């Protein structure tokens, strides 16, 4: 059986993308963890999910063109459901 394994994106880039998308939505991930709404594992999983995303440029453009908090994550965001749930 052949498995197609895609390389993961740069962890630092995706760490900041994850935090930036959350911040643009008005979510503070550090506060969500302190409040027990987000576990450390969930947070790590979010960064890993982001690292698997092929829409990095689209996400960066979304972040660059929207200056105010939005109600929803970027449509193709691998963390959309989790982020929307944290709102």
N, C-alpha and C. Protein backbone atom coordinates (compact mmCIF):
# COMPACT_ATOMS: atom_id res chain seq x y z
N UNK A 1 0.84 -1.16 0.00
CA UNK A 1 0.00 0.00 0.00
C UNK A 1 0.89 1.24 0.00
N UNK A 2 0.56 2.18 -0.87
CA UNK A 2 1.33 3.41 -0.97
C UNK A 2 0.58 4.53 -0.23
N UNK A 3 1.28 5.18 0.65
CA UNK A 3 0.70 6.31 1.37
C UNK A 3 1.33 7.60 0.86
N UNK A 4 0.49 8.56 0.53
CA UNK A 4 0.99 9.86 0.15
C UNK A 4 1.14 10.70 1.41
N UNK A 5 2.35 11.05 1.73
CA UNK A 5 2.63 11.84 2.92
C UNK A 5 3.05 13.23 2.47
N UNK A 6 2.29 14.21 2.89
CA UNK A 6 2.61 15.59 2.56
C UNK A 6 3.52 16.16 3.64
N UNK A 7 4.51 16.92 3.22
CA UNK A 7 5.38 17.53 4.23
C UNK A 7 4.60 18.59 5.01
N UNK A 8 4.92 18.71 6.28
CA UNK A 8 4.30 19.73 7.11
C UNK A 8 5.00 21.07 6.89
N UNK A 9 4.24 22.14 7.00
CA UNK A 9 4.82 23.47 6.88
C UNK A 9 5.66 23.83 8.09
N UNK A 10 6.36 24.92 7.97
CA UNK A 10 7.25 25.41 9.02
C UNK A 10 6.48 25.64 10.32
N UNK A 11 6.93 25.03 11.42
CA UNK A 11 6.18 25.16 12.68
C UNK A 11 6.07 26.60 13.18
N UNK A 12 7.10 27.39 13.01
CA UNK A 12 7.06 28.78 13.50
C UNK A 12 6.03 29.59 12.70
N UNK A 13 6.06 29.45 11.39
CA UNK A 13 5.10 30.16 10.54
C UNK A 13 3.68 29.81 10.93
N UNK A 14 3.41 28.53 11.12
CA UNK A 14 2.05 28.09 11.38
C UNK A 14 1.62 28.36 12.83
N UNK A 15 2.57 28.40 13.73
CA UNK A 15 2.26 28.84 15.10
C UNK A 15 1.69 30.26 15.04
N UNK A 16 2.39 31.13 14.31
CA UNK A 16 1.96 32.53 14.25
C UNK A 16 0.70 32.69 13.42
N UNK A 17 0.53 31.89 12.36
CA UNK A 17 -0.71 31.96 11.59
C UNK A 17 -1.91 31.56 12.46
N UNK A 18 -1.74 30.49 13.23
CA UNK A 18 -2.82 30.04 14.12
C UNK A 18 -3.20 31.13 15.10
N UNK A 19 -2.21 31.73 15.73
CA UNK A 19 -2.48 32.80 16.70
C UNK A 19 -3.08 34.03 16.02
N UNK A 20 -2.58 34.34 14.82
CA UNK A 20 -3.05 35.54 14.10
C UNK A 20 -4.50 35.41 13.67
N UNK A 21 -4.87 34.24 13.16
CA UNK A 21 -6.27 34.03 12.75
C UNK A 21 -7.17 34.12 13.99
N UNK A 22 -6.76 33.49 15.07
CA UNK A 22 -7.55 33.56 16.31
C UNK A 22 -7.69 35.02 16.75
N UNK A 23 -6.59 35.74 16.76
CA UNK A 23 -6.62 37.14 17.20
C UNK A 23 -7.53 37.97 16.29
N UNK A 24 -7.48 37.73 14.98
CA UNK A 24 -8.34 38.46 14.04
C UNK A 24 -9.82 38.17 14.30
N UNK A 25 -10.10 37.02 14.90
CA UNK A 25 -11.47 36.66 15.24
C UNK A 25 -11.86 37.13 16.64
N UNK A 26 -10.93 37.79 17.33
CA UNK A 26 -11.20 38.27 18.68
C UNK A 26 -10.98 37.20 19.74
N UNK A 27 -10.23 36.15 19.41
CA UNK A 27 -9.97 35.05 20.35
C UNK A 27 -8.54 35.15 20.85
N UNK A 28 -8.36 35.08 22.15
CA UNK A 28 -7.04 35.03 22.75
C UNK A 28 -6.80 33.58 23.17
N UNK A 29 -5.93 32.87 22.46
CA UNK A 29 -5.70 31.46 22.73
C UNK A 29 -5.09 31.23 24.10
N UNK A 30 -4.25 32.13 24.57
CA UNK A 30 -3.67 31.99 25.91
C UNK A 30 -4.76 32.07 26.97
N UNK A 31 -5.68 33.01 26.82
CA UNK A 31 -6.80 33.13 27.75
C UNK A 31 -7.71 31.91 27.67
N UNK A 32 -7.94 31.40 26.45
CA UNK A 32 -8.79 30.22 26.28
C UNK A 32 -8.19 29.02 27.01
N UNK A 33 -6.86 28.90 27.00
CA UNK A 33 -6.22 27.81 27.73
C UNK A 33 -6.32 28.06 29.24
N UNK A 34 -6.08 29.29 29.67
CA UNK A 34 -6.16 29.61 31.10
C UNK A 34 -7.56 29.40 31.65
N UNK A 35 -8.57 29.63 30.81
CA UNK A 35 -9.97 29.46 31.22
C UNK A 35 -10.45 28.02 31.09
N UNK A 36 -9.59 27.12 30.58
CA UNK A 36 -9.97 25.72 30.43
C UNK A 36 -10.82 25.44 29.20
N UNK A 37 -10.93 26.42 28.30
CA UNK A 37 -11.71 26.24 27.07
C UNK A 37 -10.89 25.56 25.98
N UNK A 38 -9.58 25.56 26.14
CA UNK A 38 -8.67 24.98 25.15
C UNK A 38 -7.55 24.28 25.90
N UNK A 39 -7.36 22.99 25.61
CA UNK A 39 -6.28 22.25 26.26
C UNK A 39 -4.97 22.48 25.52
N UNK A 40 -3.89 22.18 26.18
CA UNK A 40 -2.57 22.29 25.54
C UNK A 40 -2.53 21.37 24.32
N UNK A 41 -3.08 20.16 24.45
CA UNK A 41 -3.10 19.22 23.32
C UNK A 41 -3.90 19.79 22.15
N UNK A 42 -5.07 20.37 22.45
CA UNK A 42 -5.88 20.98 21.39
C UNK A 42 -5.12 22.10 20.69
N UNK A 43 -4.41 22.89 21.48
CA UNK A 43 -3.63 23.99 20.91
C UNK A 43 -2.53 23.44 20.00
N UNK A 44 -1.82 22.43 20.47
CA UNK A 44 -0.78 21.80 19.64
C UNK A 44 -1.38 21.21 18.37
N UNK A 45 -2.54 20.58 18.51
CA UNK A 45 -3.21 20.00 17.35
C UNK A 45 -3.61 21.09 16.35
N UNK A 46 -4.00 22.25 16.84
CA UNK A 46 -4.36 23.35 15.94
C UNK A 46 -3.16 23.79 15.11
N UNK A 47 -2.00 23.89 15.74
CA UNK A 47 -0.80 24.29 15.00
C UNK A 47 -0.44 23.21 13.99
N UNK A 48 -0.54 21.95 14.38
CA UNK A 48 -0.25 20.85 13.45
C UNK A 48 -1.26 20.85 12.30
N UNK A 49 -2.53 21.07 12.58
CA UNK A 49 -3.54 21.17 11.51
C UNK A 49 -3.18 22.28 10.55
N UNK A 50 -2.77 23.40 11.07
CA UNK A 50 -2.38 24.54 10.24
C UNK A 50 -1.18 24.16 9.37
N UNK A 51 -0.25 23.42 9.92
CA UNK A 51 0.94 23.01 9.17
C UNK A 51 0.60 22.11 7.98
N UNK A 52 -0.57 21.49 8.01
CA UNK A 52 -1.02 20.61 6.93
C UNK A 52 -1.79 21.36 5.85
N UNK A 53 -2.05 22.62 6.06
CA UNK A 53 -2.90 23.40 5.16
C UNK A 53 -2.15 23.87 3.91
N UNK A 54 -2.84 23.78 2.78
CA UNK A 54 -2.25 24.23 1.51
C UNK A 54 -2.64 25.67 1.18
N UNK A 55 -3.43 26.31 2.03
CA UNK A 55 -3.95 27.65 1.74
C UNK A 55 -3.21 28.74 2.50
N UNK A 56 -1.93 28.57 2.72
CA UNK A 56 -1.16 29.53 3.51
C UNK A 56 -1.22 30.93 2.90
N UNK A 57 -1.02 31.03 1.60
CA UNK A 57 -1.04 32.34 0.96
C UNK A 57 -2.42 32.98 1.07
N UNK A 58 -3.46 32.19 0.89
CA UNK A 58 -4.82 32.70 1.04
C UNK A 58 -5.09 33.18 2.45
N UNK A 59 -4.60 32.43 3.42
CA UNK A 59 -4.76 32.81 4.82
C UNK A 59 -4.02 34.12 5.10
N UNK A 60 -2.80 34.22 4.62
CA UNK A 60 -2.02 35.44 4.83
C UNK A 60 -2.71 36.63 4.18
N UNK A 61 -3.28 36.43 2.99
CA UNK A 61 -4.01 37.51 2.33
C UNK A 61 -5.26 37.90 3.13
N UNK A 62 -5.97 36.89 3.65
CA UNK A 62 -7.16 37.13 4.47
C UNK A 62 -6.78 37.97 5.69
N UNK A 63 -5.68 37.61 6.32
CA UNK A 63 -5.22 38.36 7.49
C UNK A 63 -4.81 39.78 7.11
N UNK A 64 -4.18 39.95 5.97
CA UNK A 64 -3.66 41.25 5.55
C UNK A 64 -4.77 42.21 5.12
N UNK A 65 -5.87 41.68 4.61
CA UNK A 65 -6.91 42.56 4.06
C UNK A 65 -8.05 42.83 5.01
N UNK A 66 -8.07 42.19 6.14
CA UNK A 66 -9.15 42.38 7.10
C UNK A 66 -8.57 42.93 8.40
N UNK A 67 -8.86 44.19 8.69
CA UNK A 67 -8.24 44.84 9.84
C UNK A 67 -9.06 44.70 11.12
N UNK A 68 -10.32 44.30 11.02
CA UNK A 68 -11.15 44.21 12.22
C UNK A 68 -11.53 42.76 12.48
N UNK A 69 -11.85 42.41 13.73
CA UNK A 69 -12.24 41.03 14.03
C UNK A 69 -13.45 40.59 13.21
N UNK A 70 -13.42 39.33 12.82
CA UNK A 70 -14.49 38.73 12.04
C UNK A 70 -15.18 37.66 12.88
N UNK A 71 -16.37 37.28 12.46
CA UNK A 71 -17.11 36.27 13.18
C UNK A 71 -16.70 34.85 12.84
N UNK A 72 -16.05 34.65 11.70
CA UNK A 72 -15.69 33.30 11.27
C UNK A 72 -14.26 33.27 10.76
N UNK A 73 -13.68 32.09 10.83
CA UNK A 73 -12.33 31.88 10.30
C UNK A 73 -12.37 31.86 8.77
N UNK A 74 -11.21 32.00 8.17
CA UNK A 74 -11.02 31.86 6.73
C UNK A 74 -11.68 30.55 6.30
N UNK A 75 -12.44 30.58 5.23
CA UNK A 75 -13.27 29.43 4.82
C UNK A 75 -12.50 28.12 4.71
N UNK A 76 -11.26 28.15 4.23
CA UNK A 76 -10.48 26.92 4.05
C UNK A 76 -9.60 26.58 5.26
N UNK A 77 -9.75 27.31 6.33
CA UNK A 77 -8.91 27.10 7.52
C UNK A 77 -9.13 25.71 8.09
N UNK A 78 -8.06 24.98 8.31
CA UNK A 78 -8.14 23.65 8.90
C UNK A 78 -8.60 23.69 10.35
N UNK A 79 -8.56 24.87 10.96
CA UNK A 79 -8.98 25.03 12.35
C UNK A 79 -10.31 25.77 12.48
N UNK A 80 -11.00 25.94 11.38
CA UNK A 80 -12.24 26.73 11.37
C UNK A 80 -13.23 26.25 12.44
N UNK A 81 -13.52 24.98 12.51
CA UNK A 81 -14.52 24.48 13.46
C UNK A 81 -14.09 24.76 14.89
N UNK A 82 -12.83 24.53 15.20
CA UNK A 82 -12.33 24.76 16.56
C UNK A 82 -12.38 26.25 16.90
N UNK A 83 -11.93 27.10 15.98
CA UNK A 83 -11.92 28.54 16.22
C UNK A 83 -13.34 29.09 16.35
N UNK A 84 -14.21 28.66 15.46
CA UNK A 84 -15.60 29.11 15.53
C UNK A 84 -16.22 28.70 16.87
N UNK A 85 -15.84 27.50 17.36
CA UNK A 85 -16.35 27.01 18.63
C UNK A 85 -15.82 27.77 19.83
N UNK A 86 -14.67 28.38 19.70
CA UNK A 86 -14.07 29.14 20.79
C UNK A 86 -14.67 30.53 20.94
N UNK A 87 -15.41 30.96 19.95
CA UNK A 87 -15.98 32.32 20.01
C UNK A 87 -17.11 32.40 20.98
